[in-house]
Amino acid sequence: MSGKQDQADQELLGDDKAEEVMSHLNAEMDTPTADNNWRVAGIDKDLTPLQYHYLSLLQRLVALKNTYQTDADYEAWMMVGINKAVYSTLRDSIEANVGDEAK
């Protein structure tokens, strides 16, 4: 039984790959740095994939809201749902430290 426990511990430790992950951490923030081109038009900031997701989703939702307001088949309940989605995504953006960019 102890042999299985030792084997499981090795899997949890990641076979010394922790150093590779730690090398990508920013010493000032303890968050991974983005080594990519995650960009949203109008925002001059390096974004993490999650930040990019929230901001691009927010852009799409605002565009949908603007389009739907002039739709001939406009229904108030649908606009309430869109507004809630915009608000929720804005809150997610604030939690991801891109609230100023989202506003």
N, C-alpha and C. Protein backbone atom coordinates (compact mmCIF):
# COMPACT_ATOMS: atom_id res chain seq x y z
N MET A 1 0.82 -1.20 0.00
CA MET A 1 0.00 0.00 0.00
C MET A 1 0.86 1.25 0.00
N SER A 2 1.99 1.22 0.73
CA SER A 2 2.81 2.43 0.75
C SER A 2 3.45 2.67 -0.60
N GLY A 3 3.66 1.64 -1.41
CA GLY A 3 4.20 1.81 -2.76
C GLY A 3 3.25 2.61 -3.63
N LYS A 4 1.97 2.34 -3.49
CA LYS A 4 0.97 3.09 -4.24
C LYS A 4 0.92 4.54 -3.78
N GLN A 5 1.07 4.75 -2.50
CA GLN A 5 1.05 6.12 -1.96
C GLN A 5 2.22 6.92 -2.50
N ASP A 6 3.41 6.31 -2.54
CA ASP A 6 4.59 7.00 -3.08
C ASP A 6 4.38 7.35 -4.54
N GLN A 7 3.78 6.44 -5.28
CA GLN A 7 3.53 6.69 -6.70
C GLN A 7 2.54 7.84 -6.87
N ALA A 8 1.52 7.88 -6.06
CA ALA A 8 0.53 8.96 -6.14
C ALA A 8 1.17 10.30 -5.80
N ASP A 9 2.07 10.32 -4.82
CA ASP A 9 2.74 11.56 -4.46
C ASP A 9 3.57 12.09 -5.62
N GLN A 10 4.22 11.22 -6.35
CA GLN A 10 5.01 11.65 -7.51
C GLN A 10 4.12 12.29 -8.56
N GLU A 11 2.93 11.74 -8.75
CA GLU A 11 2.01 12.32 -9.72
C GLU A 11 1.56 13.71 -9.28
N LEU A 12 1.32 13.88 -8.00
CA LEU A 12 0.90 15.18 -7.49
C LEU A 12 2.01 16.21 -7.59
N LEU A 13 3.23 15.77 -7.40
CA LEU A 13 4.35 16.70 -7.47
C LEU A 13 4.64 17.13 -8.89
N GLY A 14 4.20 16.39 -9.87
CA GLY A 14 4.36 16.79 -11.26
C GLY A 14 5.72 16.49 -11.84
N ASP A 15 6.47 15.58 -11.24
CA ASP A 15 7.77 15.18 -11.78
C ASP A 15 8.68 16.37 -12.04
N ASP A 16 8.83 17.25 -11.08
CA ASP A 16 9.73 18.41 -11.13
C ASP A 16 9.37 19.41 -12.22
N LYS A 17 8.13 19.47 -12.62
CA LYS A 17 7.71 20.45 -13.62
C LYS A 17 7.22 21.74 -12.98
N ALA A 18 7.23 21.79 -11.67
CA ALA A 18 6.78 22.99 -10.97
C ALA A 18 7.67 24.18 -11.28
N GLU A 19 8.95 23.92 -11.51
CA GLU A 19 9.87 25.02 -11.83
C GLU A 19 9.50 25.67 -13.16
N GLU A 20 9.02 24.86 -14.13
CA GLU A 20 8.62 25.41 -15.42
C GLU A 20 7.43 26.35 -15.25
N VAL A 21 6.48 25.95 -14.44
CA VAL A 21 5.30 26.78 -14.20
C VAL A 21 5.69 28.03 -13.44
N MET A 22 6.51 27.89 -12.44
CA MET A 22 6.90 29.02 -11.61
C MET A 22 7.70 30.05 -12.39
N SER A 23 8.40 29.64 -13.42
CA SER A 23 9.19 30.60 -14.19
C SER A 23 8.31 31.58 -14.95
N HIS A 24 7.05 31.23 -15.17
CA HIS A 24 6.13 32.10 -15.90
C HIS A 24 5.36 33.04 -14.98
N LEU A 25 5.63 33.00 -13.69
CA LEU A 25 4.93 33.88 -12.76
C LEU A 25 5.64 35.21 -12.65
N ASN A 26 4.88 36.25 -12.61
CA ASN A 26 5.41 37.59 -12.42
C ASN A 26 5.71 37.75 -10.94
N ALA A 27 6.93 38.13 -10.60
CA ALA A 27 7.34 38.23 -9.20
C ALA A 27 6.53 39.27 -8.43
N GLU A 28 6.02 40.28 -9.11
CA GLU A 28 5.29 41.34 -8.44
C GLU A 28 3.84 40.96 -8.14
N MET A 29 3.24 40.14 -8.97
CA MET A 29 1.80 39.93 -8.86
C MET A 29 1.38 38.50 -8.52
N ASP A 30 2.25 37.53 -8.65
CA ASP A 30 1.90 36.12 -8.45
C ASP A 30 0.81 35.67 -9.40
N THR A 31 0.76 36.24 -10.58
CA THR A 31 -0.17 35.79 -11.60
C THR A 31 0.61 35.47 -12.85
N PRO A 32 0.13 34.53 -13.65
CA PRO A 32 0.87 34.18 -14.86
C PRO A 32 0.95 35.37 -15.81
N THR A 33 2.08 35.50 -16.46
CA THR A 33 2.22 36.54 -17.47
C THR A 33 1.74 35.99 -18.80
N ALA A 34 1.25 36.83 -19.64
CA ALA A 34 0.72 36.41 -20.93
C ALA A 34 1.81 36.52 -21.98
N ASP A 35 2.20 35.38 -22.54
CA ASP A 35 3.17 35.37 -23.62
C ASP A 35 2.43 35.16 -24.93
N ASN A 36 1.52 36.04 -25.26
CA ASN A 36 0.70 35.88 -26.45
C ASN A 36 0.25 37.25 -26.94
N ASN A 37 -0.61 37.23 -27.91
CA ASN A 37 -1.14 38.47 -28.47
C ASN A 37 -2.63 38.57 -28.22
N TRP A 38 -3.07 38.36 -27.00
CA TRP A 38 -4.48 38.51 -26.66
C TRP A 38 -4.80 39.99 -26.63
N ARG A 39 -5.41 40.49 -27.69
CA ARG A 39 -5.70 41.92 -27.82
C ARG A 39 -7.16 42.13 -28.16
N VAL A 40 -7.71 43.17 -27.59
CA VAL A 40 -9.05 43.63 -27.93
C VAL A 40 -8.89 45.03 -28.49
N ALA A 41 -9.60 45.31 -29.57
CA ALA A 41 -9.48 46.62 -30.22
C ALA A 41 -9.78 47.74 -29.24
N GLY A 42 -8.90 48.73 -29.21
CA GLY A 42 -9.09 49.89 -28.35
C GLY A 42 -8.49 49.75 -26.97
N ILE A 43 -7.88 48.61 -26.66
CA ILE A 43 -7.29 48.40 -25.34
C ILE A 43 -5.81 48.08 -25.52
N ASP A 44 -4.97 48.96 -25.01
CA ASP A 44 -3.53 48.80 -25.13
C ASP A 44 -2.96 48.18 -23.87
N LYS A 45 -3.30 46.92 -23.65
CA LYS A 45 -2.85 46.22 -22.46
C LYS A 45 -2.69 44.75 -22.80
N ASP A 46 -1.64 44.12 -22.27
CA ASP A 46 -1.50 42.68 -22.43
C ASP A 46 -2.56 42.00 -21.58
N LEU A 47 -3.30 41.10 -22.19
CA LEU A 47 -4.41 40.44 -21.50
C LEU A 47 -4.13 38.96 -21.33
N THR A 48 -4.65 38.41 -20.26
CA THR A 48 -4.63 36.96 -20.10
C THR A 48 -5.78 36.41 -20.95
N PRO A 49 -5.78 35.12 -21.23
CA PRO A 49 -6.89 34.55 -22.00
C PRO A 49 -8.25 34.79 -21.35
N LEU A 50 -8.32 34.74 -20.03
CA LEU A 50 -9.60 34.97 -19.35
C LEU A 50 -10.04 36.42 -19.49
N GLN A 51 -9.12 37.35 -19.33
CA GLN A 51 -9.45 38.76 -19.50
C GLN A 51 -9.92 39.03 -20.93
N TYR A 52 -9.22 38.44 -21.90
CA TYR A 52 -9.60 38.58 -23.30
C TYR A 52 -11.02 38.04 -23.52
N HIS A 53 -11.30 36.89 -22.93
CA HIS A 53 -12.63 36.29 -23.08
C HIS A 53 -13.72 37.23 -22.56
N TYR A 54 -13.53 37.76 -21.36
CA TYR A 54 -14.55 38.63 -20.77
C TYR A 54 -14.74 39.90 -21.60
N LEU A 55 -13.65 40.52 -22.03
CA LEU A 55 -13.78 41.77 -22.79
C LEU A 55 -14.38 41.54 -24.17
N SER A 56 -14.00 40.46 -24.83
CA SER A 56 -14.58 40.20 -26.15
C SER A 56 -16.05 39.80 -26.03
N LEU A 57 -16.39 39.07 -24.98
CA LEU A 57 -17.80 38.73 -24.73
C LEU A 57 -18.61 40.00 -24.46
N LEU A 58 -18.05 40.90 -23.69
CA LEU A 58 -18.74 42.16 -23.39
C LEU A 58 -18.96 42.96 -24.66
N GLN A 59 -17.97 43.00 -25.54
CA GLN A 59 -18.13 43.71 -26.82
C GLN A 59 -19.27 43.11 -27.63
N ARG A 60 -19.32 41.77 -27.69
CA ARG A 60 -20.38 41.11 -28.47
C ARG A 60 -21.74 41.37 -27.85
N LEU A 61 -21.84 41.34 -26.53
CA LEU A 61 -23.13 41.57 -25.87
C LEU A 61 -23.61 43.00 -26.06
N VAL A 62 -22.72 43.97 -25.99
CA VAL A 62 -23.11 45.37 -26.20
C VAL A 62 -23.55 45.57 -27.65
N ALA A 63 -22.85 44.95 -28.59
CA ALA A 63 -23.27 45.04 -29.99
C ALA A 63 -24.64 44.40 -30.18
N LEU A 64 -24.87 43.26 -29.54
CA LEU A 64 -26.18 42.60 -29.62
C LEU A 64 -27.26 43.49 -29.02
N LYS A 65 -26.98 44.10 -27.90
CA LYS A 65 -27.95 45.00 -27.25
C LYS A 65 -28.30 46.16 -28.17
N ASN A 66 -27.28 46.78 -28.76
CA ASN A 66 -27.53 47.92 -29.65
C ASN A 66 -28.34 47.50 -30.87
N THR A 67 -28.07 46.33 -31.40
CA THR A 67 -28.80 45.84 -32.56
C THR A 67 -30.24 45.48 -32.18
N TYR A 68 -30.40 44.83 -31.05
CA TYR A 68 -31.72 44.37 -30.64
C TYR A 68 -32.67 45.51 -30.29
N GLN A 69 -32.14 46.63 -29.83
CA GLN A 69 -32.99 47.76 -29.47
C GLN A 69 -33.77 48.29 -30.66
N THR A 70 -33.24 48.12 -31.85
CA THR A 70 -33.92 48.61 -33.05
C THR A 70 -34.60 47.49 -33.83
N ASP A 71 -34.64 46.30 -33.27
CA ASP A 71 -35.24 45.14 -33.93
C ASP A 71 -36.76 45.29 -33.97
N ALA A 72 -37.34 44.92 -35.10
CA ALA A 72 -38.80 45.01 -35.24
C ALA A 72 -39.52 44.03 -34.31
N ASP A 73 -38.87 42.93 -33.98
CA ASP A 73 -39.46 41.93 -33.10
C ASP A 73 -39.02 42.11 -31.65
N TYR A 74 -38.75 43.34 -31.25
CA TYR A 74 -38.27 43.66 -29.90
C TYR A 74 -39.26 43.16 -28.85
N GLU A 75 -38.71 42.49 -27.84
CA GLU A 75 -39.52 42.07 -26.70
C GLU A 75 -38.78 42.46 -25.43
N ALA A 76 -39.52 43.02 -24.49
CA ALA A 76 -38.90 43.56 -23.27
C ALA A 76 -38.18 42.48 -22.47
N TRP A 77 -38.74 41.28 -22.39
CA TRP A 77 -38.11 40.22 -21.60
C TRP A 77 -36.74 39.85 -22.16
N MET A 78 -36.61 39.91 -23.49
CA MET A 78 -35.32 39.59 -24.11
C MET A 78 -34.29 40.67 -23.77
N MET A 79 -34.72 41.93 -23.77
CA MET A 79 -33.80 43.01 -23.43
C MET A 79 -33.36 42.91 -21.97
N VAL A 80 -34.26 42.49 -21.09
CA VAL A 80 -33.90 42.28 -19.68
C VAL A 80 -32.81 41.21 -19.59
N GLY A 81 -32.94 40.14 -20.34
CA GLY A 81 -31.93 39.08 -20.34
C GLY A 81 -30.59 39.56 -20.87
N ILE A 82 -30.61 40.34 -21.93
CA ILE A 82 -29.37 40.88 -22.49
C ILE A 82 -28.71 41.83 -21.50
N ASN A 83 -29.50 42.68 -20.86
CA ASN A 83 -28.94 43.60 -19.85
C ASN A 83 -28.31 42.85 -18.69
N LYS A 84 -28.94 41.76 -18.26
CA LYS A 84 -28.37 40.96 -17.18
C LYS A 84 -27.06 40.30 -17.61
N ALA A 85 -27.00 39.85 -18.85
CA ALA A 85 -25.77 39.24 -19.36
C ALA A 85 -24.65 40.28 -19.43
N VAL A 86 -24.98 41.49 -19.86
CA VAL A 86 -23.98 42.57 -19.92
C VAL A 86 -23.48 42.88 -18.52
N TYR A 87 -24.39 42.99 -17.56
CA TYR A 87 -24.00 43.31 -16.18
C TYR A 87 -23.12 42.20 -15.59
N SER A 88 -23.51 40.97 -15.81
CA SER A 88 -22.74 39.84 -15.29
C SER A 88 -21.34 39.80 -15.87
N THR A 89 -21.23 40.05 -17.16
CA THR A 89 -19.92 40.06 -17.81
C THR A 89 -19.09 41.24 -17.34
N LEU A 90 -19.71 42.37 -17.09
CA LEU A 90 -18.99 43.51 -16.53
C LEU A 90 -18.44 43.17 -15.15
N ARG A 91 -19.23 42.52 -14.31
CA ARG A 91 -18.76 42.11 -12.97
C ARG A 91 -17.61 41.11 -13.09
N ASP A 92 -17.71 40.18 -14.04
CA ASP A 92 -16.61 39.23 -14.26
C ASP A 92 -15.35 39.96 -14.69
N SER A 93 -15.50 40.97 -15.53
CA SER A 93 -14.35 41.75 -15.98
C SER A 93 -13.70 42.48 -14.82
N ILE A 94 -14.50 43.02 -13.93
CA ILE A 94 -13.96 43.70 -12.75
C ILE A 94 -13.18 42.72 -11.89
N GLU A 95 -13.72 41.51 -11.70
CA GLU A 95 -13.03 40.48 -10.92
C GLU A 95 -11.71 40.06 -11.58
N ALA A 96 -11.65 40.15 -12.90
CA ALA A 96 -10.44 39.76 -13.64
C ALA A 96 -9.47 40.94 -13.80
N ASN A 97 -9.71 42.03 -13.08
CA ASN A 97 -8.83 43.21 -13.09
C ASN A 97 -8.78 43.94 -14.43
N VAL A 98 -9.87 43.91 -15.17
CA VAL A 98 -9.98 44.71 -16.39
C VAL A 98 -11.29 45.51 -16.37
N GLY A 99 -11.70 45.91 -15.18
CA GLY A 99 -12.94 46.66 -15.03
C GLY A 99 -12.91 48.02 -15.69
N ASP A 100 -11.79 48.73 -15.57
CA ASP A 100 -11.70 50.05 -16.20
C ASP A 100 -11.78 49.94 -17.71
N GLU A 101 -11.13 48.93 -18.27
CA GLU A 101 -11.18 48.72 -19.71
C GLU A 101 -12.59 48.33 -20.15
N ALA A 102 -13.28 47.56 -19.32
CA ALA A 102 -14.63 47.12 -19.65
C ALA A 102 -15.62 48.28 -19.63
N LYS A 103 -15.43 49.21 -18.70
CA LYS A 103 -16.36 50.34 -18.59
C LYS A 103 -16.19 51.25 -19.77
